[in-house]
Amino acid sequence: PSSLNRFHSFLYEDPDSVGNKLAAYAPQFTFQFNAHGDPEKGIESVTFFSANEEGKPIKISRGEERVFVWCFFLALLEVDGWANTQDAHIFIDDPVSSLDEHNIFVTADSIFQQIEGHYLKKRLIVTTHHIGLFSILADRLTRGEKSSRYKKIVKLFILKKNGDELVLEDPRRNVFLYHLHVLQILDEASRVQL
Protein backbone atom coordinates (compact mmCIF):
# COMPACT_ATOMS: atom_id res chain seq x y z
CA PRO A 1 0.00 0.00 0.00
CA SER A 2 1.04 3.57 -0.67
CA SER A 3 2.48 5.60 2.19
CA LEU A 4 0.02 8.34 1.15
CA ASN A 5 -2.91 6.21 2.27
CA ARG A 6 -2.63 7.41 5.86
CA PHE A 7 -3.63 10.83 4.53
CA HIS A 8 -6.69 9.56 2.63
CA SER A 9 -9.09 11.29 5.03
CA PHE A 10 -7.90 14.63 3.61
CA LEU A 11 -9.37 13.60 0.28
CA TYR A 12 -12.93 13.55 1.59
CA GLU A 13 -13.53 15.15 4.97
CA ASP A 14 -12.17 18.69 4.87
CA PRO A 15 -13.88 21.13 2.44
CA ASP A 16 -10.40 22.55 1.80
CA SER A 17 -9.14 19.02 1.14
CA VAL A 18 -6.60 17.83 -1.38
CA GLY A 19 -9.46 16.52 -3.54
CA ASN A 20 -10.84 20.04 -3.93
CA LYS A 21 -7.40 21.53 -4.50
CA LEU A 22 -6.61 18.86 -7.08
CA ALA A 23 -9.80 19.53 -9.05
CA ALA A 24 -8.43 22.95 -10.00
CA TYR A 25 -5.47 21.31 -11.76
CA ALA A 26 -7.46 18.94 -14.00
CA PRO A 27 -9.95 20.80 -16.18
CA GLN A 28 -9.90 18.27 -19.07
CA PHE A 29 -11.34 15.38 -17.07
CA THR A 30 -12.87 14.62 -13.72
CA PHE A 31 -11.74 11.88 -11.39
CA GLN A 32 -12.90 9.70 -8.58
CA PHE A 33 -10.80 8.17 -5.82
CA ASN A 34 -11.80 4.54 -5.32
CA ALA A 35 -11.59 3.48 -1.69
CA HIS A 36 -9.99 0.19 -0.76
CA GLY A 37 -12.34 -2.44 0.71
CA ASP A 38 -10.46 -2.02 4.00
CA PRO A 39 -10.88 1.65 5.05
CA GLU A 40 -7.53 1.52 6.84
CA LYS A 41 -5.80 1.00 3.49
CA GLY A 42 -7.18 4.21 1.98
CA ILE A 43 -7.25 4.67 -1.78
CA GLU A 44 -6.99 1.67 -4.11
CA SER A 45 -7.23 3.42 -7.48
CA VAL A 46 -8.38 6.48 -9.39
CA THR A 47 -10.97 6.45 -12.18
CA PHE A 48 -10.98 9.25 -14.74
CA PHE A 49 -14.09 10.52 -16.52
CA SER A 50 -14.68 12.63 -19.58
CA ALA A 51 -15.56 16.19 -18.61
CA ASN A 52 -17.94 16.33 -21.60
CA GLU A 53 -19.69 12.98 -21.22
CA GLU A 54 -20.75 12.72 -17.60
CA GLY A 55 -20.24 9.32 -15.98
CA LYS A 56 -18.22 7.80 -18.84
CA PRO A 57 -14.85 6.37 -17.63
CA ILE A 58 -11.91 7.13 -19.90
CA LYS A 59 -8.32 5.99 -20.32
CA ILE A 60 -5.87 8.85 -20.02
CA SER A 61 -2.40 8.92 -21.56
CA ARG A 62 0.76 8.19 -19.63
CA GLY A 63 1.67 11.87 -19.81
CA GLU A 64 -1.74 12.85 -18.41
CA GLU A 65 -1.22 10.32 -15.60
CA ARG A 66 2.11 11.97 -14.78
CA VAL A 67 0.52 15.42 -14.79
CA PHE A 68 -2.23 14.12 -12.48
CA VAL A 69 0.31 12.63 -10.04
CA TRP A 70 2.35 15.86 -10.09
CA CYS A 71 -0.76 17.94 -9.41
CA PHE A 72 -1.74 15.51 -6.64
CA PHE A 73 1.66 16.10 -5.04
CA LEU A 74 1.31 19.90 -5.38
CA ALA A 75 -2.17 19.75 -3.86
CA LEU A 76 -0.86 17.71 -0.92
CA LEU A 77 1.75 20.40 -0.27
CA GLU A 78 -1.11 22.88 0.20
CA VAL A 79 -2.93 20.74 2.79
CA ASP A 80 -1.77 21.79 6.24
CA GLY A 81 -2.22 18.43 7.95
CA TRP A 82 -0.01 16.71 5.40
CA ALA A 83 2.51 19.41 4.57
CA ASN A 84 3.28 20.10 8.22
CA THR A 85 4.34 16.49 8.79
CA GLN A 86 6.84 16.80 5.95
CA ASP A 87 8.91 19.34 7.84
CA ALA A 88 12.46 18.61 6.73
CA HIS A 89 12.68 17.42 3.12
CA ILE A 90 10.66 17.40 -0.07
CA PHE A 91 11.96 14.80 -2.52
CA ILE A 92 10.81 15.12 -6.14
CA ASP A 93 11.89 12.19 -8.32
CA ASP A 94 11.85 12.66 -12.09
CA PRO A 95 8.58 14.61 -12.37
CA VAL A 96 8.71 15.00 -16.17
CA SER A 97 8.82 11.40 -17.38
CA SER A 98 6.41 10.94 -20.34
CA LEU A 99 5.64 14.66 -20.56
CA ASP A 100 5.72 16.81 -23.68
CA GLU A 101 7.98 19.89 -23.88
CA HIS A 102 5.22 22.31 -22.84
CA ASN A 103 4.45 20.37 -19.67
CA ILE A 104 8.16 20.07 -18.90
CA PHE A 105 8.43 23.87 -18.85
CA VAL A 106 5.26 24.14 -16.75
CA THR A 107 6.64 21.56 -14.31
CA ALA A 108 9.99 23.36 -14.12
CA ASP A 109 8.13 26.55 -13.23
CA SER A 110 6.02 24.82 -10.57
CA ILE A 111 9.18 23.26 -9.05
CA PHE A 112 10.79 26.69 -8.96
CA GLN A 113 7.68 28.06 -7.21
CA GLN A 114 7.99 25.27 -4.61
CA ILE A 115 11.65 26.17 -4.12
CA GLU A 116 10.75 29.82 -3.63
CA GLY A 117 8.02 28.93 -1.15
CA HIS A 118 9.99 26.42 0.91
CA TYR A 119 13.74 27.05 0.58
CA LEU A 120 14.06 28.74 3.98
CA LYS A 121 12.21 25.97 5.84
CA LYS A 122 12.78 22.74 3.94
CA ARG A 123 15.38 21.01 1.86
CA LEU A 124 14.14 20.25 -1.66
CA ILE A 125 15.82 17.45 -3.57
CA VAL A 126 14.97 17.08 -7.26
CA THR A 127 16.23 14.20 -9.40
CA THR A 128 15.66 13.89 -13.12
CA HIS A 129 16.77 12.00 -16.22
CA HIS A 130 15.69 14.97 -18.34
CA ILE A 131 18.70 17.17 -19.02
CA GLY A 132 16.40 19.99 -20.23
CA LEU A 133 14.61 20.17 -16.87
CA PHE A 134 17.99 20.09 -15.14
CA SER A 135 19.24 22.95 -17.34
CA ILE A 136 16.17 25.12 -16.72
CA LEU A 137 16.32 24.70 -12.94
CA ALA A 138 20.11 25.05 -12.79
CA ASP A 139 19.95 28.27 -14.79
CA ARG A 140 17.17 29.81 -12.68
CA LEU A 141 18.85 28.84 -9.41
CA THR A 142 22.40 29.91 -10.30
CA ARG A 143 22.00 32.69 -12.88
CA GLY A 144 18.36 33.79 -12.80
CA GLU A 145 17.13 37.13 -11.50
CA LYS A 146 16.46 35.63 -8.04
CA SER A 147 19.58 33.44 -7.96
CA SER A 148 21.30 35.51 -5.26
CA ARG A 149 18.92 33.88 -2.74
CA TYR A 150 20.02 30.39 -3.68
CA LYS A 151 23.65 30.56 -4.83
CA LYS A 152 25.10 29.63 -1.43
CA ILE A 153 22.60 26.88 -0.65
CA VAL A 154 22.00 25.15 -3.98
CA LYS A 155 24.04 22.13 -5.05
CA LEU A 156 23.89 20.75 -8.58
CA PHE A 157 25.15 17.32 -9.57
CA ILE A 158 25.19 15.10 -12.61
CA LEU A 159 25.57 11.36 -12.02
CA LYS A 160 28.36 10.10 -14.27
CA LYS A 161 30.22 6.87 -14.76
CA ASN A 162 33.93 7.12 -14.10
CA GLY A 163 35.51 3.79 -14.96
CA ASP A 164 33.59 1.19 -12.95
CA GLU A 165 32.11 3.56 -10.41
CA LEU A 166 29.40 6.19 -10.40
CA VAL A 167 30.28 9.69 -9.22
CA LEU A 168 28.34 12.88 -8.60
CA GLU A 169 29.98 15.60 -10.65
CA ASP A 170 29.45 19.33 -10.21
CA PRO A 171 28.49 20.60 -13.69
CA ARG A 172 29.60 24.12 -12.82
CA ARG A 173 33.25 23.11 -13.09
CA ASN A 174 32.75 23.20 -16.84
CA VAL A 175 30.56 25.23 -19.11
CA PHE A 176 27.26 23.39 -19.01
CA LEU A 177 25.18 23.83 -22.13
CA TYR A 178 22.31 21.44 -22.80
CA HIS A 179 23.00 20.86 -26.50
CA LEU A 180 26.75 20.53 -26.00
CA HIS A 181 26.14 17.98 -23.23
CA VAL A 182 23.83 15.94 -25.48
CA LEU A 183 26.45 15.98 -28.25
CA GLN A 184 29.08 14.77 -25.76
CA ILE A 185 26.82 11.90 -24.63
CA LEU A 186 26.11 10.92 -28.25
CA ASP A 187 29.82 11.03 -29.04
CA GLU A 188 30.62 8.80 -26.03
CA ALA A 189 27.83 6.38 -26.99
CA SER A 190 29.08 6.13 -30.59
CA ARG A 191 32.53 5.06 -29.33
CA VAL A 192 31.21 2.23 -27.18
CA GLN A 193 31.86 -1.13 -28.79
CA LEU A 194 29.08 -3.64 -28.49
C-alpha atoms as a PDB file:
ATOM      1  CA  PRO A   1       0.000   0.000   0.000  1.00  0.00           C
ATOM      2  CA  SER A   2       1.044   3.573  -0.665  1.00  0.00           C
ATOM      3  CA  SER A   3       2.475   5.604   2.193  1.00  0.00           C
ATOM      4  CA  LEU A   4       0.023   8.336   1.148  1.00  0.00           C
ATOM      5  CA  ASN A   5      -2.912   6.211   2.267  1.00  0.00           C
ATOM      6  CA  ARG A   6      -2.629   7.413   5.855  1.00  0.00           C
ATOM      7  CA  PHE A   7      -3.629  10.828   4.531  1.00  0.00           C
ATOM      8  CA  HIS A   8      -6.688   9.562   2.626  1.00  0.00           C
ATOM      9  CA  SER A   9      -9.092  11.287   5.025  1.00  0.00           C
ATOM     10  CA  PHE A  10      -7.902  14.625   3.615  1.00  0.00           C
ATOM     11  CA  LEU A  11      -9.374  13.599   0.283  1.00  0.00           C
ATOM     12  CA  TYR A  12     -12.929  13.550   1.589  1.00  0.00           C
ATOM     13  CA  GLU A  13     -13.534  15.153   4.966  1.00  0.00           C
ATOM     14  CA  ASP A  14     -12.171  18.692   4.866  1.00  0.00           C
ATOM     15  CA  PRO A  15     -13.875  21.135   2.439  1.00  0.00           C
ATOM     16  CA  ASP A  16     -10.401  22.548   1.797  1.00  0.00           C
ATOM     17  CA  SER A  17      -9.136  19.022   1.141  1.00  0.00           C
ATOM     18  CA  VAL A  18      -6.603  17.832  -1.376  1.00  0.00           C
ATOM     19  CA  GLY A  19      -9.462  16.523  -3.544  1.00  0.00           C
ATOM     20  CA  ASN A  20     -10.836  20.043  -3.930  1.00  0.00           C
ATOM     21  CA  LYS A  21      -7.396  21.531  -4.503  1.00  0.00           C
ATOM     22  CA  LEU A  22      -6.613  18.858  -7.084  1.00  0.00           C
ATOM     23  CA  ALA A  23      -9.800  19.534  -9.047  1.00  0.00           C
ATOM     24  CA  ALA A  24      -8.425  22.948  -9.997  1.00  0.00           C
ATOM     25  CA  TYR A  25      -5.466  21.308 -11.765  1.00  0.00           C
ATOM     26  CA  ALA A  26      -7.462  18.937 -14.001  1.00  0.00           C
ATOM     27  CA  PRO A  27      -9.950  20.798 -16.184  1.00  0.00           C
ATOM     28  CA  GLN A  28      -9.903  18.273 -19.074  1.00  0.00           C
ATOM     29  CA  PHE A  29     -11.340  15.384 -17.069  1.00  0.00           C
ATOM     30  CA  THR A  30     -12.875  14.623 -13.724  1.00  0.00           C
ATOM     31  CA  PHE A  31     -11.735  11.884 -11.394  1.00  0.00           C
ATOM     32  CA  GLN A  32     -12.904   9.698  -8.583  1.00  0.00           C
ATOM     33  CA  PHE A  33     -10.797   8.171  -5.815  1.00  0.00           C
ATOM     34  CA  ASN A  34     -11.803   4.538  -5.315  1.00  0.00           C
ATOM     35  CA  ALA A  35     -11.590   3.483  -1.693  1.00  0.00           C
ATOM     36  CA  HIS A  36      -9.993   0.190  -0.763  1.00  0.00           C
ATOM     37  CA  GLY A  37     -12.342  -2.438   0.713  1.00  0.00           C
ATOM     38  CA  ASP A  38     -10.464  -2.024   3.999  1.00  0.00           C
ATOM     39  CA  PRO A  39     -10.885   1.649   5.048  1.00  0.00           C
ATOM     40  CA  GLU A  40      -7.528   1.521   6.844  1.00  0.00           C
ATOM     41  CA  LYS A  41      -5.800   1.003   3.486  1.00  0.00           C
ATOM     42  CA  GLY A  42      -7.184   4.209   1.983  1.00  0.00           C
ATOM     43  CA  ILE A  43      -7.247   4.669  -1.784  1.00  0.00           C
ATOM     44  CA  GLU A  44      -6.995   1.671  -4.108  1.00  0.00           C
ATOM     45  CA  SER A  45      -7.229   3.419  -7.480  1.00  0.00           C
ATOM     46  CA  VAL A  46      -8.375   6.476  -9.389  1.00  0.00           C
ATOM     47  CA  THR A  47     -10.973   6.448 -12.180  1.00  0.00           C
ATOM     48  CA  PHE A  48     -10.980   9.248 -14.741  1.00  0.00           C
ATOM     49  CA  PHE A  49     -14.091  10.519 -16.518  1.00  0.00           C
ATOM     50  CA  SER A  50     -14.683  12.629 -19.580  1.00  0.00           C
ATOM     51  CA  ALA A  51     -15.563  16.194 -18.613  1.00  0.00           C
ATOM     52  CA  ASN A  52     -17.945  16.333 -21.598  1.00  0.00           C
ATOM     53  CA  GLU A  53     -19.690  12.976 -21.215  1.00  0.00           C
ATOM     54  CA  GLU A  54     -20.750  12.719 -17.600  1.00  0.00           C
ATOM     55  CA  GLY A  55     -20.238   9.316 -15.982  1.00  0.00           C
ATOM     56  CA  LYS A  56     -18.216   7.804 -18.839  1.00  0.00           C
ATOM     57  CA  PRO A  57     -14.851   6.369 -17.629  1.00  0.00           C
ATOM     58  CA  ILE A  58     -11.915   7.134 -19.896  1.00  0.00           C
ATOM     59  CA  LYS A  59      -8.323   5.990 -20.320  1.00  0.00           C
ATOM     60  CA  ILE A  60      -5.870   8.848 -20.024  1.00  0.00           C
ATOM     61  CA  SER A  61      -2.401   8.924 -21.556  1.00  0.00           C
ATOM     62  CA  ARG A  62       0.758   8.187 -19.626  1.00  0.00           C
ATOM     63  CA  GLY A  63       1.668  11.873 -19.812  1.00  0.00           C
ATOM     64  CA  GLU A  64      -1.743  12.848 -18.408  1.00  0.00           C
ATOM     65  CA  GLU A  65      -1.224  10.324 -15.600  1.00  0.00           C
ATOM     66  CA  ARG A  66       2.107  11.966 -14.783  1.00  0.00           C
ATOM     67  CA  VAL A  67       0.521  15.424 -14.790  1.00  0.00           C
ATOM     68  CA  PHE A  68      -2.228  14.121 -12.483  1.00  0.00           C
ATOM     69  CA  VAL A  69       0.309  12.634 -10.040  1.00  0.00           C
ATOM     70  CA  TRP A  70       2.352  15.860 -10.088  1.00  0.00           C
ATOM     71  CA  CYS A  71      -0.764  17.937  -9.411  1.00  0.00           C
ATOM     72  CA  PHE A  72      -1.745  15.510  -6.639  1.00  0.00           C
ATOM     73  CA  PHE A  73       1.655  16.103  -5.043  1.00  0.00           C
ATOM     74  CA  LEU A  74       1.314  19.900  -5.382  1.00  0.00           C
ATOM     75  CA  ALA A  75      -2.173  19.752  -3.862  1.00  0.00           C
ATOM     76  CA  LEU A  76      -0.856  17.712  -0.919  1.00  0.00           C
ATOM     77  CA  LEU A  77       1.753  20.401  -0.266  1.00  0.00           C
ATOM     78  CA  GLU A  78      -1.108  22.876   0.203  1.00  0.00           C
ATOM     79  CA  VAL A  79      -2.927  20.739   2.785  1.00  0.00           C
ATOM     80  CA  ASP A  80      -1.769  21.792   6.242  1.00  0.00           C
ATOM     81  CA  GLY A  81      -2.217  18.431   7.955  1.00  0.00           C
ATOM     82  CA  TRP A  82      -0.007  16.709   5.396  1.00  0.00           C
ATOM     83  CA  ALA A  83       2.508  19.410   4.567  1.00  0.00           C
ATOM     84  CA  ASN A  84       3.282  20.098   8.222  1.00  0.00           C
ATOM     85  CA  THR A  85       4.336  16.492   8.793  1.00  0.00           C
ATOM     86  CA  GLN A  86       6.838  16.803   5.950  1.00  0.00           C
ATOM     87  CA  ASP A  87       8.907  19.338   7.836  1.00  0.00           C
ATOM     88  CA  ALA A  88      12.457  18.607   6.735  1.00  0.00           C
ATOM     89  CA  HIS A  89      12.677  17.420   3.115  1.00  0.00           C
ATOM     90  CA  ILE A  90      10.658  17.404  -0.071  1.00  0.00           C
ATOM     91  CA  PHE A  91      11.955  14.797  -2.520  1.00  0.00           C
ATOM     92  CA  ILE A  92      10.809  15.116  -6.143  1.00  0.00           C
ATOM     93  CA  ASP A  93      11.887  12.192  -8.317  1.00  0.00           C
ATOM     94  CA  ASP A  94      11.848  12.657 -12.093  1.00  0.00           C
ATOM     95  CA  PRO A  95       8.583  14.607 -12.368  1.00  0.00           C
ATOM     96  CA  VAL A  96       8.707  15.000 -16.169  1.00  0.00           C
ATOM     97  CA  SER A  97       8.819  11.402 -17.380  1.00  0.00           C
ATOM     98  CA  SER A  98       6.408  10.936 -20.339  1.00  0.00           C
ATOM     99  CA  LEU A  99       5.636  14.664 -20.555  1.00  0.00           C
ATOM    100  CA  ASP A 100       5.718  16.815 -23.676  1.00  0.00           C
ATOM    101  CA  GLU A 101       7.979  19.887 -23.880  1.00  0.00           C
ATOM    102  CA  HIS A 102       5.224  22.310 -22.843  1.00  0.00           C
ATOM    103  CA  ASN A 103       4.451  20.370 -19.666  1.00  0.00           C
ATOM    104  CA  ILE A 104       8.165  20.065 -18.897  1.00  0.00           C
ATOM    105  CA  PHE A 105       8.433  23.866 -18.852  1.00  0.00           C
ATOM    106  CA  VAL A 106       5.262  24.141 -16.748  1.00  0.00           C
ATOM    107  CA  THR A 107       6.639  21.556 -14.309  1.00  0.00           C
ATOM    108  CA  ALA A 108       9.987  23.363 -14.120  1.00  0.00           C
ATOM    109  CA  ASP A 109       8.130  26.547 -13.233  1.00  0.00           C
ATOM    110  CA  SER A 110       6.022  24.821 -10.571  1.00  0.00           C
ATOM    111  CA  ILE A 111       9.175  23.258  -9.049  1.00  0.00           C
ATOM    112  CA  PHE A 112      10.794  26.688  -8.957  1.00  0.00           C
ATOM    113  CA  GLN A 113       7.680  28.057  -7.207  1.00  0.00           C
ATOM    114  CA  GLN A 114       7.992  25.266  -4.608  1.00  0.00           C
ATOM    115  CA  ILE A 115      11.653  26.165  -4.120  1.00  0.00           C
ATOM    116  CA  GLU A 116      10.748  29.816  -3.630  1.00  0.00           C
ATOM    117  CA  GLY A 117       8.018  28.928  -1.152  1.00  0.00           C
ATOM    118  CA  HIS A 118       9.994  26.417   0.907  1.00  0.00           C
ATOM    119  CA  TYR A 119      13.739  27.046   0.575  1.00  0.00           C
ATOM    120  CA  LEU A 120      14.063  28.739   3.977  1.00  0.00           C
ATOM    121  CA  LYS A 121      12.213  25.973   5.841  1.00  0.00           C
ATOM    122  CA  LYS A 122      12.779  22.739   3.938  1.00  0.00           C
ATOM    123  CA  ARG A 123      15.380  21.011   1.859  1.00  0.00           C
ATOM    124  CA  LEU A 124      14.141  20.252  -1.663  1.00  0.00           C
ATOM    125  CA  ILE A 125      15.820  17.448  -3.574  1.00  0.00           C
ATOM    126  CA  VAL A 126      14.969  17.079  -7.264  1.00  0.00           C
ATOM    127  CA  THR A 127      16.232  14.200  -9.398  1.00  0.00           C
ATOM    128  CA  THR A 128      15.658  13.886 -13.120  1.00  0.00           C
ATOM    129  CA  HIS A 129      16.774  12.005 -16.217  1.00  0.00           C
ATOM    130  CA  HIS A 130      15.695  14.965 -18.343  1.00  0.00           C
ATOM    131  CA  ILE A 131      18.700  17.171 -19.020  1.00  0.00           C
ATOM    132  CA  GLY A 132      16.398  19.988 -20.229  1.00  0.00           C
ATOM    133  CA  LEU A 133      14.605  20.170 -16.868  1.00  0.00           C
ATOM    134  CA  PHE A 134      17.988  20.088 -15.139  1.00  0.00           C
ATOM    135  CA  SER A 135      19.236  22.949 -17.344  1.00  0.00           C
ATOM    136  CA  ILE A 136      16.171  25.122 -16.721  1.00  0.00           C
ATOM    137  CA  LEU A 137      16.318  24.696 -12.941  1.00  0.00           C
ATOM    138  CA  ALA A 138      20.107  25.048 -12.792  1.00  0.00           C
ATOM    139  CA  ASP A 139      19.955  28.273 -14.787  1.00  0.00           C
ATOM    140  CA  ARG A 140      17.167  29.805 -12.684  1.00  0.00           C
ATOM    141  CA  LEU A 141      18.850  28.843  -9.413  1.00  0.00           C
ATOM    142  CA  THR A 142      22.397  29.908 -10.302  1.00  0.00           C
ATOM    143  CA  ARG A 143      21.999  32.687 -12.880  1.00  0.00           C
ATOM    144  CA  GLY A 144      18.364  33.792 -12.805  1.00  0.00           C
ATOM    145  CA  GLU A 145      17.130  37.127 -11.499  1.00  0.00           C
ATOM    146  CA  LYS A 146      16.463  35.631  -8.038  1.00  0.00           C
ATOM    147  CA  SER A 147      19.577  33.437  -7.962  1.00  0.00           C
ATOM    148  CA  SER A 148      21.301  35.506  -5.260  1.00  0.00           C
ATOM    149  CA  ARG A 149      18.922  33.884  -2.741  1.00  0.00           C
ATOM    150  CA  TYR A 150      20.018  30.388  -3.680  1.00  0.00           C
ATOM    151  CA  LYS A 151      23.647  30.560  -4.828  1.00  0.00           C
ATOM    152  CA  LYS A 152      25.100  29.635  -1.432  1.00  0.00           C
ATOM    153  CA  ILE A 153      22.600  26.878  -0.648  1.00  0.00           C
ATOM    154  CA  VAL A 154      22.000  25.149  -3.985  1.00  0.00           C
ATOM    155  CA  LYS A 155      24.035  22.135  -5.046  1.00  0.00           C
ATOM    156  CA  LEU A 156      23.894  20.750  -8.576  1.00  0.00           C
ATOM    157  CA  PHE A 157      25.152  17.317  -9.568  1.00  0.00           C
ATOM    158  CA  ILE A 158      25.194  15.100 -12.609  1.00  0.00           C
ATOM    159  CA  LEU A 159      25.568  11.356 -12.023  1.00  0.00           C
ATOM    160  CA  LYS A 160      28.359  10.102 -14.273  1.00  0.00           C
ATOM    161  CA  LYS A 161      30.218   6.868 -14.759  1.00  0.00           C
ATOM    162  CA  ASN A 162      33.931   7.121 -14.099  1.00  0.00           C
ATOM    163  CA  GLY A 163      35.512   3.790 -14.959  1.00  0.00           C
ATOM    164  CA  ASP A 164      33.594   1.192 -12.953  1.00  0.00           C
ATOM    165  CA  GLU A 165      32.114   3.558 -10.411  1.00  0.00           C
ATOM    166  CA  LEU A 166      29.404   6.185 -10.398  1.00  0.00           C
ATOM    167  CA  VAL A 167      30.276   9.691  -9.215  1.00  0.00           C
ATOM    168  CA  LEU A 168      28.336  12.880  -8.604  1.00  0.00           C
ATOM    169  CA  GLU A 169      29.982  15.595 -10.649  1.00  0.00           C
ATOM    170  CA  ASP A 170      29.451  19.329 -10.215  1.00  0.00           C
ATOM    171  CA  PRO A 171      28.491  20.597 -13.689  1.00  0.00           C
ATOM    172  CA  ARG A 172      29.598  24.119 -12.817  1.00  0.00           C
ATOM    173  CA  ARG A 173      33.254  23.105 -13.086  1.00  0.00           C
ATOM    174  CA  ASN A 174      32.755  23.205 -16.844  1.00  0.00           C
ATOM    175  CA  VAL A 175      30.558  25.233 -19.112  1.00  0.00           C
ATOM    176  CA  PHE A 176      27.256  23.385 -19.014  1.00  0.00           C
ATOM    177  CA  LEU A 177      25.179  23.826 -22.131  1.00  0.00           C
ATOM    178  CA  TYR A 178      22.314  21.435 -22.802  1.00  0.00           C
ATOM    179  CA  HIS A 179      22.999  20.862 -26.500  1.00  0.00           C
ATOM    180  CA  LEU A 180      26.746  20.529 -25.998  1.00  0.00           C
ATOM    181  CA  HIS A 181      26.143  17.978 -23.232  1.00  0.00           C
ATOM    182  CA  VAL A 182      23.825  15.945 -25.478  1.00  0.00           C
ATOM    183  CA  LEU A 183      26.454  15.980 -28.247  1.00  0.00           C
ATOM    184  CA  GLN A 184      29.085  14.769 -25.756  1.00  0.00           C
ATOM    185  CA  ILE A 185      26.818  11.902 -24.630  1.00  0.00           C
ATOM    186  CA  LEU A 186      26.113  10.917 -28.249  1.00  0.00           C
ATOM    187  CA  ASP A 187      29.816  11.026 -29.044  1.00  0.00           C
ATOM    188  CA  GLU A 188      30.621   8.800 -26.033  1.00  0.00           C
ATOM    189  CA  ALA A 189      27.827   6.377 -26.989  1.00  0.00           C
ATOM    190  CA  SER A 190      29.078   6.131 -30.591  1.00  0.00           C
ATOM    191  CA  ARG A 191      32.526   5.058 -29.329  1.00  0.00           C
ATOM    192  CA  VAL A 192      31.206   2.233 -27.178  1.00  0.00           C
ATOM    193  CA  GLN A 193      31.858  -1.134 -28.791  1.00  0.00           C
ATOM    194  CA  LEU A 194      29.076  -3.644 -28.493  1.00  0.00           C
END
